[in-house]
C-alpha atoms as a PDB file:
ATOM      1  CA  MET A   1      57.168  22.675 -43.454  1.00  0.00           C
ATOM      2  CA  THR A   2      56.841  19.998 -40.788  1.00  0.00           C
ATOM      3  CA  ILE A   3      55.146  16.778 -41.789  1.00  0.00           C
ATOM      4  CA  HIS A   4      53.645  14.676 -39.028  1.00  0.00           C
ATOM      5  CA  ALA A   5      53.121  10.939 -39.232  1.00  0.00           C
ATOM      6  CA  ALA A   6      49.497   9.918 -39.627  1.00  0.00           C
ATOM      7  CA  PRO A   7      47.698   8.901 -36.442  1.00  0.00           C
ATOM      8  CA  GLY A   8      47.994   5.185 -35.908  1.00  0.00           C
ATOM      9  CA  SER A   9      51.247   4.892 -37.847  1.00  0.00           C
ATOM     10  CA  PRO A  10      54.401   3.722 -36.030  1.00  0.00           C
ATOM     11  CA  ASP A  11      56.031   7.188 -35.928  1.00  0.00           C
ATOM     12  CA  SER A  12      52.923   9.054 -34.764  1.00  0.00           C
ATOM     13  CA  PRO A  13      52.349  10.135 -31.156  1.00  0.00           C
ATOM     14  CA  VAL A  14      48.640   9.509 -31.788  1.00  0.00           C
ATOM     15  CA  ALA A  15      47.140   6.036 -31.513  1.00  0.00           C
ATOM     16  CA  VAL A  16      43.831   5.435 -33.266  1.00  0.00           C
ATOM     17  CA  ALA A  17      41.382   2.638 -32.551  1.00  0.00           C
ATOM     18  CA  SER A  18      39.592   1.095 -35.491  1.00  0.00           C
ATOM     19  CA  ARG A  19      36.231   1.933 -33.881  1.00  0.00           C
ATOM     20  CA  TYR A  20      34.970   4.238 -31.153  1.00  0.00           C
ATOM     21  CA  GLU A  21      31.890   3.765 -28.994  1.00  0.00           C
ATOM     22  CA  HIS A  22      29.959   6.449 -27.127  1.00  0.00           C
ATOM     23  CA  PHE A  23      31.427   7.563 -23.793  1.00  0.00           C
ATOM     24  CA  ILE A  24      28.435   7.738 -21.461  1.00  0.00           C
ATOM     25  CA  GLY A  25      28.418   7.702 -17.681  1.00  0.00           C
ATOM     26  CA  GLY A  26      32.161   7.072 -17.524  1.00  0.00           C
ATOM     27  CA  GLU A  27      32.048   4.003 -19.779  1.00  0.00           C
ATOM     28  CA  TRP A  28      32.459   3.209 -23.453  1.00  0.00           C
ATOM     29  CA  VAL A  29      29.116   1.877 -24.686  1.00  0.00           C
ATOM     30  CA  PRO A  30      28.030   0.725 -28.138  1.00  0.00           C
ATOM     31  CA  PRO A  31      25.361   2.723 -29.953  1.00  0.00           C
ATOM     32  CA  ALA A  32      21.781   1.654 -29.230  1.00  0.00           C
ATOM     33  CA  LYS A  33      21.141   0.671 -32.855  1.00  0.00           C
ATOM     34  CA  GLY A  34      24.618  -0.765 -33.388  1.00  0.00           C
ATOM     35  CA  GLU A  35      25.385   1.615 -36.256  1.00  0.00           C
ATOM     36  CA  TYR A  36      28.701   3.283 -37.008  1.00  0.00           C
ATOM     37  CA  PHE A  37      29.928   5.703 -39.637  1.00  0.00           C
ATOM     38  CA  ALA A  38      33.278   6.134 -41.314  1.00  0.00           C
ATOM     39  CA  ASN A  39      35.256   9.104 -40.031  1.00  0.00           C
ATOM     40  CA  VAL A  40      36.939  10.589 -43.091  1.00  0.00           C
ATOM     41  CA  THR A  41      39.946  12.851 -42.634  1.00  0.00           C
ATOM     42  CA  PRO A  42      40.226  15.930 -44.836  1.00  0.00           C
ATOM     43  CA  VAL A  43      43.981  15.346 -44.867  1.00  0.00           C
ATOM     44  CA  THR A  44      43.750  12.355 -47.218  1.00  0.00           C
ATOM     45  CA  GLY A  45      40.050  12.025 -47.955  1.00  0.00           C
ATOM     46  CA  ALA A  46      40.096   8.471 -46.580  1.00  0.00           C
ATOM     47  CA  ALA A  47      38.334   6.974 -43.574  1.00  0.00           C
ATOM     48  CA  PHE A  48      40.689   6.443 -40.647  1.00  0.00           C
ATOM     49  CA  THR A  49      38.313   5.089 -37.993  1.00  0.00           C
ATOM     50  CA  GLU A  50      34.653   4.357 -37.312  1.00  0.00           C
ATOM     51  CA  ILE A  51      32.490   6.368 -34.942  1.00  0.00           C
ATOM     52  CA  ALA A  52      29.326   5.275 -33.141  1.00  0.00           C
ATOM     53  CA  ARG A  53      26.231   6.737 -34.797  1.00  0.00           C
ATOM     54  CA  GLY A  54      24.123   8.244 -32.039  1.00  0.00           C
ATOM     55  CA  THR A  55      20.356   8.151 -31.996  1.00  0.00           C
ATOM     56  CA  GLU A  56      17.696   9.556 -29.720  1.00  0.00           C
ATOM     57  CA  ALA A  57      18.124   6.533 -27.453  1.00  0.00           C
ATOM     58  CA  ASP A  58      21.848   7.276 -27.078  1.00  0.00           C
ATOM     59  CA  VAL A  59      21.142  10.927 -26.306  1.00  0.00           C
ATOM     60  CA  GLU A  60      18.577   9.918 -23.678  1.00  0.00           C
ATOM     61  CA  LYS A  61      21.081   7.530 -22.104  1.00  0.00           C
ATOM     62  CA  ALA A  62      23.678  10.316 -21.976  1.00  0.00           C
ATOM     63  CA  LEU A  63      21.158  12.743 -20.473  1.00  0.00           C
ATOM     64  CA  ASP A  64      20.164  10.182 -17.842  1.00  0.00           C
ATOM     65  CA  ALA A  65      23.834   9.741 -16.928  1.00  0.00           C
ATOM     66  CA  ALA A  66      24.336  13.508 -16.725  1.00  0.00           C
ATOM     67  CA  HIS A  67      21.263  13.979 -14.555  1.00  0.00           C
ATOM     68  CA  GLY A  68      22.465  11.143 -12.313  1.00  0.00           C
ATOM     69  CA  ALA A  69      25.891  12.755 -11.923  1.00  0.00           C
ATOM     70  CA  LYS A  70      24.658  16.244 -11.112  1.00  0.00           C
ATOM     71  CA  HIS A  71      23.934  15.511  -7.440  1.00  0.00           C
ATOM     72  CA  GLY A  72      27.458  14.252  -6.782  1.00  0.00           C
ATOM     73  CA  TRP A  73      28.942  17.176  -8.686  1.00  0.00           C
ATOM     74  CA  ALA A  74      26.775  19.598  -6.695  1.00  0.00           C
ATOM     75  CA  ARG A  75      28.332  18.199  -3.498  1.00  0.00           C
ATOM     76  CA  THR A  76      31.851  18.645  -4.892  1.00  0.00           C
ATOM     77  CA  SER A  77      33.606  21.542  -3.224  1.00  0.00           C
ATOM     78  CA  VAL A  78      34.585  24.618  -5.178  1.00  0.00           C
ATOM     79  CA  ALA A  79      38.241  23.846  -4.455  1.00  0.00           C
ATOM     80  CA  GLU A  80      37.892  20.316  -5.844  1.00  0.00           C
ATOM     81  CA  ARG A  81      36.118  21.581  -8.958  1.00  0.00           C
ATOM     82  CA  ALA A  82      38.875  24.124  -9.565  1.00  0.00           C
ATOM     83  CA  ASP A  83      41.485  21.405  -9.058  1.00  0.00           C
ATOM     84  CA  ILE A  84      39.762  19.203 -11.664  1.00  0.00           C
ATOM     85  CA  LEU A  85      39.742  22.039 -14.207  1.00  0.00           C
ATOM     86  CA  ASN A  86      43.432  22.733 -13.563  1.00  0.00           C
ATOM     87  CA  LYS A  87      44.236  19.033 -14.002  1.00  0.00           C
ATOM     88  CA  ILE A  88      42.450  19.079 -17.364  1.00  0.00           C
ATOM     89  CA  ALA A  89      44.588  22.066 -18.379  1.00  0.00           C
ATOM     90  CA  ASP A  90      47.715  20.206 -17.214  1.00  0.00           C
ATOM     91  CA  ARG A  91      46.776  17.156 -19.328  1.00  0.00           C
ATOM     92  CA  ILE A  92      46.209  19.283 -22.413  1.00  0.00           C
ATOM     93  CA  GLU A  93      49.585  20.986 -21.946  1.00  0.00           C
ATOM     94  CA  ALA A  94      51.327  17.647 -21.440  1.00  0.00           C
ATOM     95  CA  ASN A  95      49.889  16.325 -24.707  1.00  0.00           C
ATOM     96  CA  LEU A  96      49.994  19.360 -27.022  1.00  0.00           C
ATOM     97  CA  PRO A  97      51.650  17.738 -30.072  1.00  0.00           C
ATOM     98  CA  ALA A  98      49.482  14.615 -30.015  1.00  0.00           C
ATOM     99  CA  LEU A  99      46.298  16.637 -29.542  1.00  0.00           C
ATOM    100  CA  ALA A 100      47.250  19.012 -32.358  1.00  0.00           C
ATOM    101  CA  ILE A 101      47.914  16.141 -34.759  1.00  0.00           C
ATOM    102  CA  ALA A 102      44.656  14.437 -33.787  1.00  0.00           C
ATOM    103  CA  GLU A 103      42.758  17.693 -34.294  1.00  0.00           C
ATOM    104  CA  THR A 104      44.308  18.216 -37.716  1.00  0.00           C
ATOM    105  CA  TRP A 105      43.526  14.671 -38.762  1.00  0.00           C
ATOM    106  CA  GLU A 106      39.931  15.191 -37.631  1.00  0.00           C
ATOM    107  CA  ASN A 107      39.206  18.557 -39.236  1.00  0.00           C
ATOM    108  CA  GLY A 108      42.085  19.503 -41.524  1.00  0.00           C
ATOM    109  CA  LYS A 109      43.211  22.583 -39.611  1.00  0.00           C
ATOM    110  CA  PRO A 110      46.989  23.118 -39.749  1.00  0.00           C
ATOM    111  CA  VAL A 111      48.878  21.697 -36.763  1.00  0.00           C
ATOM    112  CA  ARG A 112      50.695  25.024 -36.241  1.00  0.00           C
ATOM    113  CA  GLU A 113      47.361  26.841 -35.682  1.00  0.00           C
ATOM    114  CA  THR A 114      46.192  24.294 -33.172  1.00  0.00           C
ATOM    115  CA  LEU A 115      49.537  24.373 -31.337  1.00  0.00           C
ATOM    116  CA  ALA A 116      49.849  28.160 -31.378  1.00  0.00           C
ATOM    117  CA  ALA A 117      46.263  29.205 -30.753  1.00  0.00           C
ATOM    118  CA  ASP A 118      43.521  26.648 -30.161  1.00  0.00           C
ATOM    119  CA  LEU A 119      45.104  24.429 -27.529  1.00  0.00           C
ATOM    120  CA  PRO A 120      46.813  27.213 -25.536  1.00  0.00           C
ATOM    121  CA  LEU A 121      43.484  29.066 -25.525  1.00  0.00           C
ATOM    122  CA  ALA A 122      41.692  25.947 -24.265  1.00  0.00           C
ATOM    123  CA  VAL A 123      44.286  25.626 -21.479  1.00  0.00           C
ATOM    124  CA  ASP A 124      43.795  29.289 -20.635  1.00  0.00           C
ATOM    125  CA  HIS A 125      40.019  28.866 -20.479  1.00  0.00           C
ATOM    126  CA  PHE A 126      40.244  25.903 -18.095  1.00  0.00           C
ATOM    127  CA  ARG A 127      42.636  27.840 -15.851  1.00  0.00           C
ATOM    128  CA  TYR A 128      40.478  30.977 -16.008  1.00  0.00           C
ATOM    129  CA  PHE A 129      37.352  29.098 -14.950  1.00  0.00           C
ATOM    130  CA  ALA A 130      39.287  27.273 -12.227  1.00  0.00           C
ATOM    131  CA  GLY A 131      40.241  30.702 -10.870  1.00  0.00           C
ATOM    132  CA  ALA A 132      36.677  31.950 -11.220  1.00  0.00           C
ATOM    133  CA  LEU A 133      35.472  28.972  -9.210  1.00  0.00           C
ATOM    134  CA  ARG A 134      37.990  29.688  -6.468  1.00  0.00           C
ATOM    135  CA  ALA A 135      36.694  33.255  -6.298  1.00  0.00           C
ATOM    136  CA  GLN A 136      33.118  32.054  -5.889  1.00  0.00           C
ATOM    137  CA  GLU A 137      31.674  32.754  -2.462  1.00  0.00           C
ATOM    138  CA  ALA A 138      28.589  30.529  -2.396  1.00  0.00           C
ATOM    139  CA  ARG A 139      28.080  26.870  -3.251  1.00  0.00           C
ATOM    140  CA  CYS A 140      26.374  26.004  -6.519  1.00  0.00           C
ATOM    141  CA  ARG A 141      22.972  24.463  -6.062  1.00  0.00           C
END
């Protein structure tokens, strides 16, 4: 059985911040009400970081950012969109062990399952949809 160092420890490939904000509109932003919650890992039963507690105001801010981005994305060529999806797949592949450890720490699923099934399937999905985009004949509107 392989034992992986806990995220944030010196021997781990996974760094963990003490607190995470919301990622909205390409920026890390604090929650509207300034509240956070402890993120407890099922691996040890202890909190390992804090996560921003979202509220309706945070959701609205995220929706506004998404609506604002849709026009630029709509003007992005099919080839560029496919390239972005393939780059995401490349990043996942380049970081498989760290992502698997982070996923296990988050939800308790064995690292071997994430490495053997979940992450390769995610890579496959990004590559599949990149190919589907390339096969598309008309622009999205």
